Amino acid sequence: MIISQPKPIDELLSSLKEYKKIFLVGCGECSTTCKSGGEKEVLKMQKLLEKAGKIITGYCIPTAPCVAAKLKTAMAKNLNVLRQSEAVLVLACGLGVQSVKDNDRLSLAVFPACNTIFGAVMDAKGNFFEKCSMCAECVLAQTAGICPITLCPKGLLNGPCGGMNKGKCEVDDQKDCAWVLIYKELEKNKKLNTLREISGPRDFQKSDKPHKLIMK
């Protein structure tokens, strides 16, 4: 899940200062779940912009605006009001914003309403936690399913740094050291011998951006 947070309204008004007629696009998946781009947030945004003198021509909330087919279907249903619009404000992550830009047939100005924060898992209480850095070189098989690249501020691959103190991270002494967590998990599963295997340097070419995956 991609976590995003709303931008301050002053920043949005600055971006939209040259445009009067605005169409809003929300997100029915991630942004709805983290409450940055669902219907409630879209309607709230509509009120804020109208209070600032903008005209909201309409809105849509595709199930997943980052999926071109779903976005195009939602936009096609609103083509008449889109033709009356000058700009599109997207309440979704950066992927959704760029998807709208790539699939816009009317060459409208497209702006983000949110800042994209991180990819996360959601616990049973509805809280979000960053667990994966999407580094393209997964080491979870060697680290008991705990990612040191994400949970360790230094991204260390072969054990804790010298600053670890009583199981806590030197960068943030309120957080458990990722490698202490890994050690305890490996110990519980009688896999401590895994720590004898030295991980080589990461191949950063694998994380060169932008990535692409061409489906045949």
N, C-alpha and C. Protein backbone atom coordinates (compact mmCIF):
# COMPACT_ATOMS: atom_id res chain seq x y z
N MET A 1 0.84 -1.18 0.00
CA MET A 1 0.00 0.00 0.00
C MET A 1 0.89 1.24 0.00
N ILE A 2 0.52 2.23 -0.83
CA ILE A 2 1.26 3.48 -0.91
C ILE A 2 0.59 4.52 -0.01
N ILE A 3 1.34 5.05 0.94
CA ILE A 3 0.80 6.01 1.89
C ILE A 3 1.05 7.44 1.40
N SER A 4 -0.01 8.24 1.39
CA SER A 4 0.11 9.65 1.01
C SER A 4 -0.60 10.50 2.05
N GLN A 5 -0.22 11.77 2.10
CA GLN A 5 -0.83 12.71 3.03
C GLN A 5 -1.19 13.99 2.29
N PRO A 6 -2.30 14.63 2.66
CA PRO A 6 -2.72 15.85 1.96
C PRO A 6 -1.70 16.97 2.08
N LYS A 7 -1.51 17.70 1.00
CA LYS A 7 -0.69 18.90 1.03
C LYS A 7 -1.45 20.02 1.74
N PRO A 8 -0.75 21.00 2.31
CA PRO A 8 -1.43 22.16 2.90
C PRO A 8 -2.25 22.90 1.84
N ILE A 9 -3.41 23.39 2.22
CA ILE A 9 -4.29 24.06 1.26
C ILE A 9 -3.62 25.28 0.63
N ASP A 10 -2.79 25.99 1.38
CA ASP A 10 -2.10 27.16 0.82
C ASP A 10 -1.19 26.76 -0.33
N GLU A 11 -0.54 25.61 -0.20
CA GLU A 11 0.33 25.12 -1.28
C GLU A 11 -0.50 24.77 -2.52
N LEU A 12 -1.66 24.15 -2.30
CA LEU A 12 -2.52 23.79 -3.43
C LEU A 12 -3.05 25.03 -4.13
N LEU A 13 -3.46 26.02 -3.37
CA LEU A 13 -3.99 27.25 -3.97
C LEU A 13 -2.90 27.97 -4.76
N SER A 14 -1.67 27.89 -4.28
CA SER A 14 -0.56 28.48 -5.03
C SER A 14 -0.36 27.77 -6.36
N SER A 15 -0.46 26.44 -6.36
CA SER A 15 -0.31 25.66 -7.60
C SER A 15 -1.44 25.96 -8.59
N LEU A 16 -2.64 26.20 -8.04
CA LEU A 16 -3.83 26.36 -8.87
C LEU A 16 -4.18 27.82 -9.15
N LYS A 17 -3.29 28.74 -8.82
CA LYS A 17 -3.63 30.15 -8.88
C LYS A 17 -4.02 30.64 -10.28
N GLU A 18 -3.53 29.96 -11.31
CA GLU A 18 -3.84 30.38 -12.68
C GLU A 18 -5.07 29.68 -13.25
N TYR A 19 -5.71 28.84 -12.43
CA TYR A 19 -6.82 28.02 -12.93
C TYR A 19 -8.06 28.22 -12.07
N LYS A 20 -9.20 28.29 -12.74
CA LYS A 20 -10.46 28.52 -12.05
C LYS A 20 -11.31 27.25 -11.96
N LYS A 21 -11.40 26.51 -13.08
CA LYS A 21 -12.27 25.35 -13.16
C LYS A 21 -11.45 24.07 -12.95
N ILE A 22 -11.75 23.39 -11.84
CA ILE A 22 -10.93 22.26 -11.41
C ILE A 22 -11.76 20.98 -11.36
N PHE A 23 -11.19 19.90 -11.89
CA PHE A 23 -11.78 18.57 -11.77
C PHE A 23 -10.94 17.79 -10.77
N LEU A 24 -11.62 17.05 -9.88
CA LEU A 24 -10.93 16.30 -8.84
C LEU A 24 -10.91 14.80 -9.15
N VAL A 25 -9.78 14.17 -8.90
CA VAL A 25 -9.64 12.72 -9.05
C VAL A 25 -9.16 12.14 -7.72
N GLY A 26 -9.92 11.21 -7.16
CA GLY A 26 -9.52 10.52 -5.94
C GLY A 26 -8.98 9.14 -6.24
N CYS A 27 -8.85 8.33 -5.22
CA CYS A 27 -8.32 6.97 -5.37
C CYS A 27 -9.13 6.04 -4.47
N GLY A 28 -9.66 4.98 -5.06
CA GLY A 28 -10.50 4.06 -4.32
C GLY A 28 -9.76 3.00 -3.54
N GLU A 29 -8.45 2.98 -3.64
CA GLU A 29 -7.69 1.96 -2.93
C GLU A 29 -6.80 2.58 -1.85
N CYS A 30 -5.52 2.76 -2.12
CA CYS A 30 -4.58 3.21 -1.08
C CYS A 30 -4.99 4.52 -0.43
N SER A 31 -5.31 5.53 -1.24
CA SER A 31 -5.60 6.85 -0.68
C SER A 31 -6.92 6.86 0.08
N THR A 32 -7.85 6.01 -0.31
CA THR A 32 -9.07 5.86 0.49
C THR A 32 -8.74 5.25 1.84
N THR A 33 -7.90 4.22 1.84
CA THR A 33 -7.56 3.51 3.07
C THR A 33 -6.79 4.39 4.04
N CYS A 34 -5.85 5.19 3.54
CA CYS A 34 -5.08 6.05 4.45
C CYS A 34 -5.68 7.45 4.58
N LYS A 35 -6.90 7.60 4.07
CA LYS A 35 -7.72 8.80 4.26
C LYS A 35 -7.08 10.08 3.71
N SER A 36 -6.55 9.95 2.51
CA SER A 36 -6.01 11.14 1.84
C SER A 36 -6.69 11.41 0.49
N GLY A 37 -7.50 10.42 0.00
CA GLY A 37 -8.11 10.63 -1.31
C GLY A 37 -9.36 9.83 -1.58
N GLY A 38 -10.07 9.46 -0.52
CA GLY A 38 -11.36 8.80 -0.69
C GLY A 38 -12.47 9.83 -0.91
N GLU A 39 -13.70 9.36 -0.98
CA GLU A 39 -14.81 10.28 -1.27
C GLU A 39 -14.94 11.37 -0.20
N LYS A 40 -14.77 11.02 1.05
CA LYS A 40 -14.86 12.02 2.12
C LYS A 40 -13.83 13.12 1.92
N GLU A 41 -12.61 12.74 1.57
CA GLU A 41 -11.55 13.73 1.38
C GLU A 41 -11.76 14.55 0.12
N VAL A 42 -12.28 13.91 -0.93
CA VAL A 42 -12.57 14.63 -2.17
C VAL A 42 -13.64 15.70 -1.93
N LEU A 43 -14.70 15.33 -1.21
CA LEU A 43 -15.76 16.30 -0.93
C LEU A 43 -15.27 17.43 -0.02
N LYS A 44 -14.40 17.10 0.91
CA LYS A 44 -13.81 18.14 1.76
C LYS A 44 -12.97 19.09 0.93
N MET A 45 -12.20 18.53 -0.01
CA MET A 45 -11.37 19.35 -0.89
C MET A 45 -12.25 20.25 -1.74
N GLN A 46 -13.35 19.71 -2.23
CA GLN A 46 -14.28 20.51 -3.03
C GLN A 46 -14.73 21.75 -2.25
N LYS A 47 -15.11 21.57 -1.00
CA LYS A 47 -15.58 22.69 -0.19
C LYS A 47 -14.48 23.72 0.03
N LEU A 48 -13.25 23.25 0.30
CA LEU A 48 -12.14 24.16 0.53
C LEU A 48 -11.83 24.99 -0.71
N LEU A 49 -11.85 24.34 -1.87
CA LEU A 49 -11.54 25.06 -3.11
C LEU A 49 -12.66 26.01 -3.50
N GLU A 50 -13.89 25.59 -3.30
CA GLU A 50 -15.01 26.48 -3.60
C GLU A 50 -15.00 27.69 -2.68
N LYS A 51 -14.63 27.51 -1.45
CA LYS A 51 -14.51 28.62 -0.51
C LYS A 51 -13.45 29.61 -0.97
N ALA A 52 -12.43 29.08 -1.67
CA ALA A 52 -11.35 29.92 -2.19
C ALA A 52 -11.68 30.51 -3.55
N GLY A 53 -12.90 30.28 -4.05
CA GLY A 53 -13.32 30.88 -5.30
C GLY A 53 -13.17 30.02 -6.53
N LYS A 54 -12.80 28.75 -6.35
CA LYS A 54 -12.65 27.86 -7.49
C LYS A 54 -14.00 27.23 -7.85
N ILE A 55 -14.12 26.81 -9.09
CA ILE A 55 -15.30 26.08 -9.56
C ILE A 55 -14.91 24.62 -9.75
N ILE A 56 -15.57 23.74 -9.02
CA ILE A 56 -15.29 22.31 -9.16
C ILE A 56 -16.26 21.75 -10.20
N THR A 57 -15.72 21.36 -11.31
CA THR A 57 -16.55 20.90 -12.43
C THR A 57 -17.10 19.49 -12.19
N GLY A 58 -16.43 18.72 -11.34
CA GLY A 58 -16.86 17.36 -11.06
C GLY A 58 -15.74 16.58 -10.42
N TYR A 59 -16.00 15.31 -10.15
CA TYR A 59 -14.95 14.48 -9.58
C TYR A 59 -15.23 13.02 -9.91
N CYS A 60 -14.18 12.22 -9.83
CA CYS A 60 -14.33 10.77 -9.95
C CYS A 60 -13.34 10.11 -9.01
N ILE A 61 -13.66 8.90 -8.62
CA ILE A 61 -12.77 8.15 -7.73
C ILE A 61 -12.56 6.77 -8.33
N PRO A 62 -11.61 6.65 -9.27
CA PRO A 62 -11.33 5.33 -9.85
C PRO A 62 -10.90 4.35 -8.77
N THR A 63 -11.20 3.09 -8.98
CA THR A 63 -10.77 2.06 -8.03
C THR A 63 -9.27 2.15 -7.80
N ALA A 64 -8.52 2.32 -8.87
CA ALA A 64 -7.07 2.46 -8.79
C ALA A 64 -6.61 3.36 -9.93
N PRO A 65 -6.40 4.65 -9.67
CA PRO A 65 -6.01 5.56 -10.75
C PRO A 65 -4.65 5.24 -11.35
N CYS A 66 -3.84 4.44 -10.65
CA CYS A 66 -2.55 4.06 -11.22
C CYS A 66 -2.68 2.98 -12.28
N VAL A 67 -3.86 2.40 -12.42
CA VAL A 67 -4.13 1.40 -13.46
C VAL A 67 -4.85 2.10 -14.61
N ALA A 68 -4.20 2.18 -15.75
CA ALA A 68 -4.71 2.97 -16.86
C ALA A 68 -6.14 2.61 -17.26
N ALA A 69 -6.44 1.32 -17.32
CA ALA A 69 -7.77 0.90 -17.77
C ALA A 69 -8.86 1.41 -16.84
N LYS A 70 -8.62 1.34 -15.52
CA LYS A 70 -9.61 1.79 -14.56
C LYS A 70 -9.74 3.31 -14.57
N LEU A 71 -8.62 3.98 -14.73
CA LEU A 71 -8.65 5.44 -14.80
C LEU A 71 -9.38 5.93 -16.05
N LYS A 72 -9.08 5.32 -17.19
CA LYS A 72 -9.71 5.74 -18.44
C LYS A 72 -11.22 5.55 -18.38
N THR A 73 -11.67 4.47 -17.78
CA THR A 73 -13.10 4.22 -17.66
C THR A 73 -13.77 5.32 -16.85
N ALA A 74 -13.16 5.68 -15.72
CA ALA A 74 -13.73 6.72 -14.86
C ALA A 74 -13.69 8.08 -15.54
N MET A 75 -12.61 8.37 -16.23
CA MET A 75 -12.49 9.67 -16.90
C MET A 75 -13.45 9.78 -18.08
N ALA A 76 -13.66 8.67 -18.78
CA ALA A 76 -14.56 8.69 -19.93
C ALA A 76 -15.99 9.04 -19.53
N LYS A 77 -16.39 8.59 -18.35
CA LYS A 77 -17.73 8.89 -17.85
C LYS A 77 -17.90 10.36 -17.51
N ASN A 78 -16.80 11.06 -17.38
CA ASN A 78 -16.83 12.48 -17.00
C ASN A 78 -16.26 13.37 -18.09
N LEU A 79 -16.27 12.89 -19.31
CA LEU A 79 -15.62 13.61 -20.40
C LEU A 79 -16.23 14.99 -20.63
N ASN A 80 -17.53 15.11 -20.51
CA ASN A 80 -18.18 16.41 -20.75
C ASN A 80 -17.71 17.47 -19.76
N VAL A 81 -17.65 17.11 -18.46
CA VAL A 81 -17.20 18.11 -17.49
C VAL A 81 -15.69 18.31 -17.56
N LEU A 82 -14.97 17.29 -17.98
CA LEU A 82 -13.52 17.46 -18.16
C LEU A 82 -13.24 18.48 -19.27
N ARG A 83 -14.07 18.48 -20.29
CA ARG A 83 -13.90 19.46 -21.37
C ARG A 83 -14.13 20.89 -20.89
N GLN A 84 -14.86 21.03 -19.81
CA GLN A 84 -15.12 22.35 -19.24
C GLN A 84 -14.08 22.75 -18.20
N SER A 85 -13.14 21.86 -17.93
CA SER A 85 -12.16 22.07 -16.86
C SER A 85 -10.85 22.64 -17.41
N GLU A 86 -10.12 23.28 -16.53
CA GLU A 86 -8.82 23.83 -16.89
C GLU A 86 -7.67 23.03 -16.26
N ALA A 87 -7.97 22.37 -15.15
CA ALA A 87 -6.93 21.62 -14.44
C ALA A 87 -7.55 20.44 -13.71
N VAL A 88 -6.71 19.45 -13.41
CA VAL A 88 -7.12 18.28 -12.64
C VAL A 88 -6.26 18.23 -11.38
N LEU A 89 -6.93 18.10 -10.24
CA LEU A 89 -6.23 17.96 -8.97
C LEU A 89 -6.42 16.52 -8.50
N VAL A 90 -5.31 15.81 -8.29
CA VAL A 90 -5.36 14.37 -8.01
C VAL A 90 -5.06 14.10 -6.54
N LEU A 91 -6.05 13.53 -5.86
CA LEU A 91 -5.89 13.16 -4.45
C LEU A 91 -5.45 11.70 -4.39
N ALA A 92 -4.20 11.47 -4.72
CA ALA A 92 -3.64 10.12 -4.75
C ALA A 92 -2.13 10.24 -4.64
N CYS A 93 -1.45 9.12 -4.67
CA CYS A 93 0.01 9.14 -4.63
C CYS A 93 0.56 9.65 -5.96
N GLY A 94 1.87 9.78 -6.01
CA GLY A 94 2.51 10.27 -7.23
C GLY A 94 2.27 9.38 -8.43
N LEU A 95 2.05 8.09 -8.19
CA LEU A 95 1.74 7.18 -9.29
C LEU A 95 0.40 7.55 -9.92
N GLY A 96 -0.58 7.84 -9.08
CA GLY A 96 -1.89 8.24 -9.58
C GLY A 96 -1.82 9.54 -10.36
N VAL A 97 -1.06 10.49 -9.85
CA VAL A 97 -0.92 11.78 -10.53
C VAL A 97 -0.34 11.59 -11.93
N GLN A 98 0.74 10.81 -12.01
CA GLN A 98 1.40 10.63 -13.30
C GLN A 98 0.56 9.78 -14.25
N SER A 99 -0.23 8.87 -13.69
CA SER A 99 -1.14 8.10 -14.53
C SER A 99 -2.20 9.01 -15.16
N VAL A 100 -2.73 9.95 -14.35
CA VAL A 100 -3.69 10.91 -14.89
C VAL A 100 -3.04 11.73 -16.00
N LYS A 101 -1.82 12.18 -15.76
CA LYS A 101 -1.10 12.97 -16.77
C LYS A 101 -0.89 12.17 -18.05
N ASP A 102 -0.48 10.92 -17.92
CA ASP A 102 -0.20 10.08 -19.09
C ASP A 102 -1.45 9.74 -19.88
N ASN A 103 -2.60 9.68 -19.21
CA ASN A 103 -3.83 9.23 -19.87
C ASN A 103 -4.83 10.36 -20.13
N ASP A 104 -4.40 11.59 -19.92
CA ASP A 104 -5.27 12.75 -20.15
C ASP A 104 -5.32 13.06 -21.65
N ARG A 105 -6.50 12.95 -22.25
CA ARG A 105 -6.67 13.19 -23.68
C ARG A 105 -6.88 14.66 -24.00
N LEU A 106 -7.07 15.49 -22.99
CA LEU A 106 -7.42 16.89 -23.22
C LEU A 106 -6.27 17.86 -22.91
N SER A 107 -5.12 17.32 -22.52
CA SER A 107 -3.94 18.14 -22.21
C SER A 107 -4.22 19.18 -21.13
N LEU A 108 -4.95 18.76 -20.10
CA LEU A 108 -5.22 19.64 -18.98
C LEU A 108 -4.00 19.71 -18.05
N ALA A 109 -3.92 20.78 -17.28
CA ALA A 109 -2.88 20.86 -16.25
C ALA A 109 -3.23 19.87 -15.14
N VAL A 110 -2.24 19.11 -14.69
CA VAL A 110 -2.47 18.09 -13.66
C VAL A 110 -1.59 18.39 -12.45
N PHE A 111 -2.22 18.39 -11.26
CA PHE A 111 -1.50 18.74 -10.03
C PHE A 111 -1.73 17.70 -8.93
N PRO A 112 -0.73 17.49 -8.08
CA PRO A 112 -0.91 16.58 -6.93
C PRO A 112 -1.54 17.31 -5.75
N ALA A 113 -2.47 16.65 -5.09
CA ALA A 113 -3.06 17.18 -3.86
C ALA A 113 -2.40 16.58 -2.63
N CYS A 114 -1.55 15.58 -2.85
CA CYS A 114 -0.95 14.85 -1.72
C CYS A 114 0.56 14.73 -1.89
N ASN A 115 1.22 14.48 -0.77
CA ASN A 115 2.63 14.08 -0.78
C ASN A 115 2.69 12.58 -0.57
N THR A 116 3.48 11.89 -1.40
CA THR A 116 3.64 10.44 -1.27
C THR A 116 4.71 10.16 -0.22
N ILE A 117 4.38 9.35 0.78
CA ILE A 117 5.26 9.18 1.93
C ILE A 117 6.05 7.88 1.89
N PHE A 118 5.35 6.73 1.83
CA PHE A 118 6.07 5.45 1.84
C PHE A 118 5.12 4.31 1.48
N GLY A 119 5.72 3.16 1.16
CA GLY A 119 4.96 1.94 0.98
C GLY A 119 4.83 1.26 2.33
N ALA A 120 3.66 0.70 2.63
CA ALA A 120 3.43 0.23 4.00
C ALA A 120 2.60 -1.04 4.05
N VAL A 121 2.69 -1.70 5.20
CA VAL A 121 1.73 -2.74 5.56
C VAL A 121 0.78 -2.12 6.59
N MET A 122 -0.41 -2.66 6.69
CA MET A 122 -1.39 -2.16 7.66
C MET A 122 -1.69 -3.24 8.68
N ASP A 123 -1.62 -2.88 9.97
CA ASP A 123 -1.88 -3.87 11.00
C ASP A 123 -3.38 -3.99 11.27
N ALA A 124 -3.75 -4.84 12.19
CA ALA A 124 -5.16 -5.11 12.47
C ALA A 124 -5.89 -3.91 13.04
N LYS A 125 -5.15 -2.94 13.58
CA LYS A 125 -5.76 -1.74 14.15
C LYS A 125 -5.86 -0.60 13.15
N GLY A 126 -5.39 -0.84 11.92
CA GLY A 126 -5.47 0.19 10.89
C GLY A 126 -4.29 1.14 10.88
N ASN A 127 -3.19 0.79 11.55
CA ASN A 127 -1.98 1.61 11.54
C ASN A 127 -1.09 1.19 10.38
N PHE A 128 -0.27 2.12 9.89
CA PHE A 128 0.58 1.85 8.73
C PHE A 128 2.05 1.86 9.14
N PHE A 129 2.79 0.88 8.61
CA PHE A 129 4.20 0.76 8.95
C PHE A 129 5.00 0.49 7.68
N GLU A 130 6.08 1.26 7.51
CA GLU A 130 6.97 1.02 6.37
C GLU A 130 7.82 -0.20 6.67
N LYS A 131 7.76 -1.18 5.80
CA LYS A 131 8.50 -2.44 6.01
C LYS A 131 9.41 -2.80 4.84
N CYS A 132 9.21 -2.17 3.69
CA CYS A 132 9.94 -2.56 2.48
C CYS A 132 10.41 -1.31 1.73
N SER A 133 11.66 -1.32 1.29
CA SER A 133 12.21 -0.20 0.52
C SER A 133 12.16 -0.44 -0.98
N MET A 134 11.60 -1.58 -1.39
CA MET A 134 11.49 -1.89 -2.81
C MET A 134 12.84 -1.74 -3.51
N CYS A 135 13.86 -2.40 -2.92
CA CYS A 135 15.24 -2.21 -3.36
C CYS A 135 15.63 -3.09 -4.53
N ALA A 136 14.77 -4.02 -4.92
CA ALA A 136 15.00 -4.92 -6.05
C ALA A 136 16.05 -6.01 -5.75
N GLU A 137 16.39 -6.18 -4.48
CA GLU A 137 17.35 -7.22 -4.10
C GLU A 137 16.98 -7.73 -2.70
N CYS A 138 15.92 -8.50 -2.61
CA CYS A 138 15.32 -8.87 -1.33
C CYS A 138 16.22 -9.83 -0.53
N VAL A 139 16.42 -9.49 0.76
CA VAL A 139 17.26 -10.32 1.62
C VAL A 139 16.45 -10.98 2.74
N LEU A 140 15.13 -10.95 2.65
CA LEU A 140 14.29 -11.45 3.74
C LEU A 140 14.50 -12.92 4.05
N ALA A 141 14.92 -13.69 3.07
CA ALA A 141 15.18 -15.12 3.31
C ALA A 141 16.34 -15.31 4.27
N GLN A 142 17.30 -14.39 4.28
CA GLN A 142 18.46 -14.48 5.14
C GLN A 142 18.26 -13.78 6.48
N THR A 143 17.25 -12.93 6.58
CA THR A 143 17.09 -12.09 7.78
C THR A 143 15.77 -12.35 8.50
N ALA A 144 15.27 -13.57 8.40
CA ALA A 144 14.08 -14.00 9.14
C ALA A 144 12.86 -13.14 8.85
N GLY A 145 12.77 -12.66 7.63
CA GLY A 145 11.59 -11.90 7.23
C GLY A 145 11.56 -10.48 7.76
N ILE A 146 12.69 -10.00 8.30
CA ILE A 146 12.79 -8.63 8.81
C ILE A 146 13.77 -7.87 7.94
N CYS A 147 13.35 -6.75 7.37
CA CYS A 147 14.18 -6.06 6.37
C CYS A 147 15.14 -5.07 7.02
N PRO A 148 16.44 -5.34 7.01
CA PRO A 148 17.41 -4.40 7.59
C PRO A 148 17.60 -3.16 6.73
N ILE A 149 17.33 -3.26 5.44
CA ILE A 149 17.50 -2.10 4.56
C ILE A 149 16.50 -1.02 4.93
N THR A 150 15.30 -1.43 5.33
CA THR A 150 14.26 -0.47 5.69
C THR A 150 14.28 -0.12 7.18
N LEU A 151 14.40 -1.12 8.03
CA LEU A 151 14.28 -0.89 9.47
C LEU A 151 15.55 -0.38 10.12
N CYS A 152 16.69 -0.58 9.48
CA CYS A 152 17.94 -0.01 9.96
C CYS A 152 18.20 1.29 9.22
N PRO A 153 18.35 2.42 9.92
CA PRO A 153 18.58 3.70 9.24
C PRO A 153 19.82 3.70 8.34
N LYS A 154 20.77 2.81 8.65
CA LYS A 154 21.99 2.73 7.85
C LYS A 154 21.92 1.65 6.79
N GLY A 155 20.85 0.86 6.81
CA GLY A 155 20.69 -0.20 5.81
C GLY A 155 21.79 -1.25 5.88
N LEU A 156 22.25 -1.58 7.07
CA LEU A 156 23.36 -2.52 7.22
C LEU A 156 22.92 -3.95 6.92
N LEU A 157 23.81 -4.70 6.27
CA LEU A 157 23.46 -6.04 5.82
C LEU A 157 24.12 -7.16 6.62
N ASN A 158 25.07 -6.84 7.49
CA ASN A 158 25.82 -7.89 8.18
C ASN A 158 25.92 -7.65 9.69
N GLY A 159 24.82 -7.25 10.28
CA GLY A 159 24.82 -7.07 11.72
C GLY A 159 24.75 -5.62 12.14
N PRO A 160 24.61 -5.38 13.44
CA PRO A 160 24.42 -4.01 13.94
C PRO A 160 25.70 -3.19 13.88
N CYS A 161 25.53 -1.88 13.94
CA CYS A 161 26.67 -0.98 13.98
C CYS A 161 27.18 -0.89 15.42
N GLY A 162 28.30 -0.19 15.62
CA GLY A 162 28.87 -0.07 16.96
C GLY A 162 28.08 0.83 17.88
N GLY A 163 27.11 1.55 17.32
CA GLY A 163 26.33 2.48 18.14
C GLY A 163 25.13 1.85 18.80
N MET A 164 24.82 0.60 18.46
CA MET A 164 23.68 -0.07 19.09
C MET A 164 23.93 -0.16 20.60
N ASN A 165 22.89 0.18 21.39
CA ASN A 165 23.05 0.20 22.84
C ASN A 165 21.85 -0.46 23.50
N LYS A 166 22.11 -1.56 24.19
CA LYS A 166 21.06 -2.29 24.91
C LYS A 166 19.88 -2.64 24.00
N GLY A 167 20.22 -3.01 22.79
CA GLY A 167 19.19 -3.44 21.84
C GLY A 167 18.49 -2.32 21.11
N LYS A 168 18.89 -1.07 21.37
CA LYS A 168 18.23 0.07 20.75
C LYS A 168 19.13 0.70 19.68
N CYS A 169 18.49 1.35 18.73
CA CYS A 169 19.18 2.00 17.60
C CYS A 169 19.85 3.29 18.06
N GLU A 170 21.07 3.55 17.59
CA GLU A 170 21.75 4.78 18.00
C GLU A 170 21.12 6.02 17.35
N VAL A 171 20.46 5.84 16.21
CA VAL A 171 19.82 6.97 15.56
C VAL A 171 18.55 7.38 16.30
N ASP A 172 17.82 6.39 16.81
CA ASP A 172 16.60 6.64 17.57
C ASP A 172 16.53 5.63 18.71
N ASP A 173 16.85 6.07 19.93
CA ASP A 173 16.92 5.13 21.05
C ASP A 173 15.56 4.65 21.53
N GLN A 174 14.49 5.09 20.84
CA GLN A 174 13.16 4.56 21.14
C GLN A 174 12.81 3.36 20.26
N LYS A 175 13.68 3.09 19.29
CA LYS A 175 13.43 1.99 18.36
C LYS A 175 14.39 0.83 18.62
N ASP A 176 13.87 -0.38 18.46
CA ASP A 176 14.72 -1.56 18.55
C ASP A 176 15.66 -1.61 17.37
N CYS A 177 16.88 -2.03 17.63
CA CYS A 177 17.84 -2.24 16.54
C CYS A 177 17.31 -3.35 15.64
N ALA A 178 17.30 -3.10 14.34
CA ALA A 178 16.78 -4.09 13.40
C ALA A 178 17.53 -5.41 13.51
N TRP A 179 18.84 -5.34 13.72
CA TRP A 179 19.63 -6.58 13.77
C TRP A 179 19.44 -7.33 15.07
N VAL A 180 19.07 -6.65 16.14
CA VAL A 180 18.70 -7.35 17.37
C VAL A 180 17.40 -8.12 17.14
N LEU A 181 16.46 -7.49 16.44
CA LEU A 181 15.20 -8.16 16.11
C LEU A 181 15.46 -9.39 15.23
N ILE A 182 16.35 -9.22 14.25
CA ILE A 182 16.70 -10.33 13.36
C ILE A 182 17.34 -11.47 14.15
N TYR A 183 18.27 -11.12 15.04
CA TYR A 183 18.95 -12.13 15.87
C TYR A 183 17.94 -12.92 16.70
N LYS A 184 17.03 -12.22 17.37
CA LYS A 184 16.05 -12.89 18.22
C LYS A 184 15.14 -13.81 17.41
N GLU A 185 14.77 -13.37 16.22
CA GLU A 185 13.90 -14.19 15.38
C GLU A 185 14.64 -15.44 14.88
N LEU A 186 15.90 -15.26 14.47
CA LEU A 186 16.69 -16.40 14.03
C LEU A 186 16.95 -17.37 15.19
N GLU A 187 17.18 -16.81 16.37
CA GLU A 187 17.41 -17.65 17.55
C GLU A 187 16.16 -18.46 17.87
N LYS A 188 15.01 -17.83 17.80
CA LYS A 188 13.75 -18.52 18.10
C LYS A 188 13.52 -19.68 17.14
N ASN A 189 13.94 -19.49 15.89
CA ASN A 189 13.72 -20.52 14.87
C ASN A 189 14.94 -21.43 14.69
N LYS A 190 15.92 -21.31 15.61
CA LYS A 190 17.14 -22.13 15.58
C LYS A 190 17.85 -22.02 14.24
N LYS A 191 17.99 -20.77 13.78
CA LYS A 191 18.63 -20.50 12.50
C LYS A 191 19.81 -19.54 12.64
N LEU A 192 20.40 -19.48 13.83
CA LEU A 192 21.48 -18.52 14.05
C LEU A 192 22.69 -18.75 13.14
N ASN A 193 22.82 -19.98 12.64
CA ASN A 193 23.93 -20.25 11.72
C ASN A 193 23.85 -19.40 10.46
N THR A 194 22.65 -18.88 10.17
CA THR A 194 22.49 -18.00 9.01
C THR A 194 23.37 -16.77 9.13
N LEU A 195 23.62 -16.33 10.36
CA LEU A 195 24.42 -15.11 10.56
C LEU A 195 25.88 -15.31 10.17
N ARG A 196 26.30 -16.54 10.00
CA ARG A 196 27.68 -16.79 9.58
C ARG A 196 27.87 -16.50 8.08
N GLU A 197 26.77 -16.39 7.37
CA GLU A 197 26.85 -16.11 5.94
C GLU A 197 27.00 -14.60 5.72
N ILE A 198 28.08 -14.20 5.10
CA ILE A 198 28.36 -12.78 4.89
C ILE A 198 27.68 -12.31 3.60
N SER A 199 26.91 -11.27 3.73
CA SER A 199 26.26 -10.69 2.55
C SER A 199 27.22 -9.74 1.85
N GLY A 200 27.33 -9.89 0.55
CA GLY A 200 28.18 -9.01 -0.22
C GLY A 200 27.55 -7.64 -0.41
N PRO A 201 28.27 -6.70 -0.99
CA PRO A 201 27.71 -5.37 -1.23
C PRO A 201 26.47 -5.47 -2.12
N ARG A 202 25.54 -4.58 -1.89
CA ARG A 202 24.34 -4.56 -2.72
C ARG A 202 24.69 -4.16 -4.15
N ASP A 203 23.96 -4.73 -5.09
CA ASP A 203 24.11 -4.37 -6.50
C ASP A 203 23.15 -3.22 -6.78
N PHE A 204 23.65 -2.00 -6.68
CA PHE A 204 22.78 -0.84 -6.82
C PHE A 204 22.27 -0.64 -8.24
N GLN A 205 22.89 -1.36 -9.20
CA GLN A 205 22.36 -1.28 -10.57
C GLN A 205 20.94 -1.83 -10.64
N LYS A 206 20.62 -2.77 -9.73
CA LYS A 206 19.28 -3.35 -9.72
C LYS A 206 18.23 -2.33 -9.29
N SER A 207 18.65 -1.30 -8.58
CA SER A 207 17.70 -0.28 -8.12
C SER A 207 17.79 1.01 -8.92
N ASP A 208 18.48 0.95 -10.07
CA ASP A 208 18.51 2.13 -10.95
C ASP A 208 17.09 2.50 -11.35
N LYS A 209 16.79 3.77 -11.39
CA LYS A 209 15.45 4.24 -11.74
C LYS A 209 15.49 5.01 -13.05
N PRO A 210 14.36 5.03 -13.77
CA PRO A 210 13.10 4.36 -13.45
C PRO A 210 13.06 2.90 -13.88
N HIS A 211 12.37 2.07 -13.12
CA HIS A 211 12.18 0.66 -13.48
C HIS A 211 11.06 0.52 -14.50
N LYS A 212 11.07 -0.60 -15.17
CA LYS A 212 9.93 -0.95 -16.03
C LYS A 212 9.84 -2.46 -16.14
N LEU A 213 8.63 -2.93 -16.35
CA LEU A 213 8.39 -4.36 -16.53
C LEU A 213 7.45 -4.50 -17.73
N ILE A 214 7.98 -4.96 -18.83
CA ILE A 214 7.20 -5.10 -20.06
C ILE A 214 6.53 -6.47 -20.07
N MET A 215 5.21 -6.48 -20.07
CA MET A 215 4.46 -7.74 -20.07
C MET A 215 4.22 -8.19 -21.51
N LYS A 216 4.63 -9.42 -21.81
CA LYS A 216 4.49 -9.94 -23.18
C LYS A 216 3.18 -10.71 -23.31
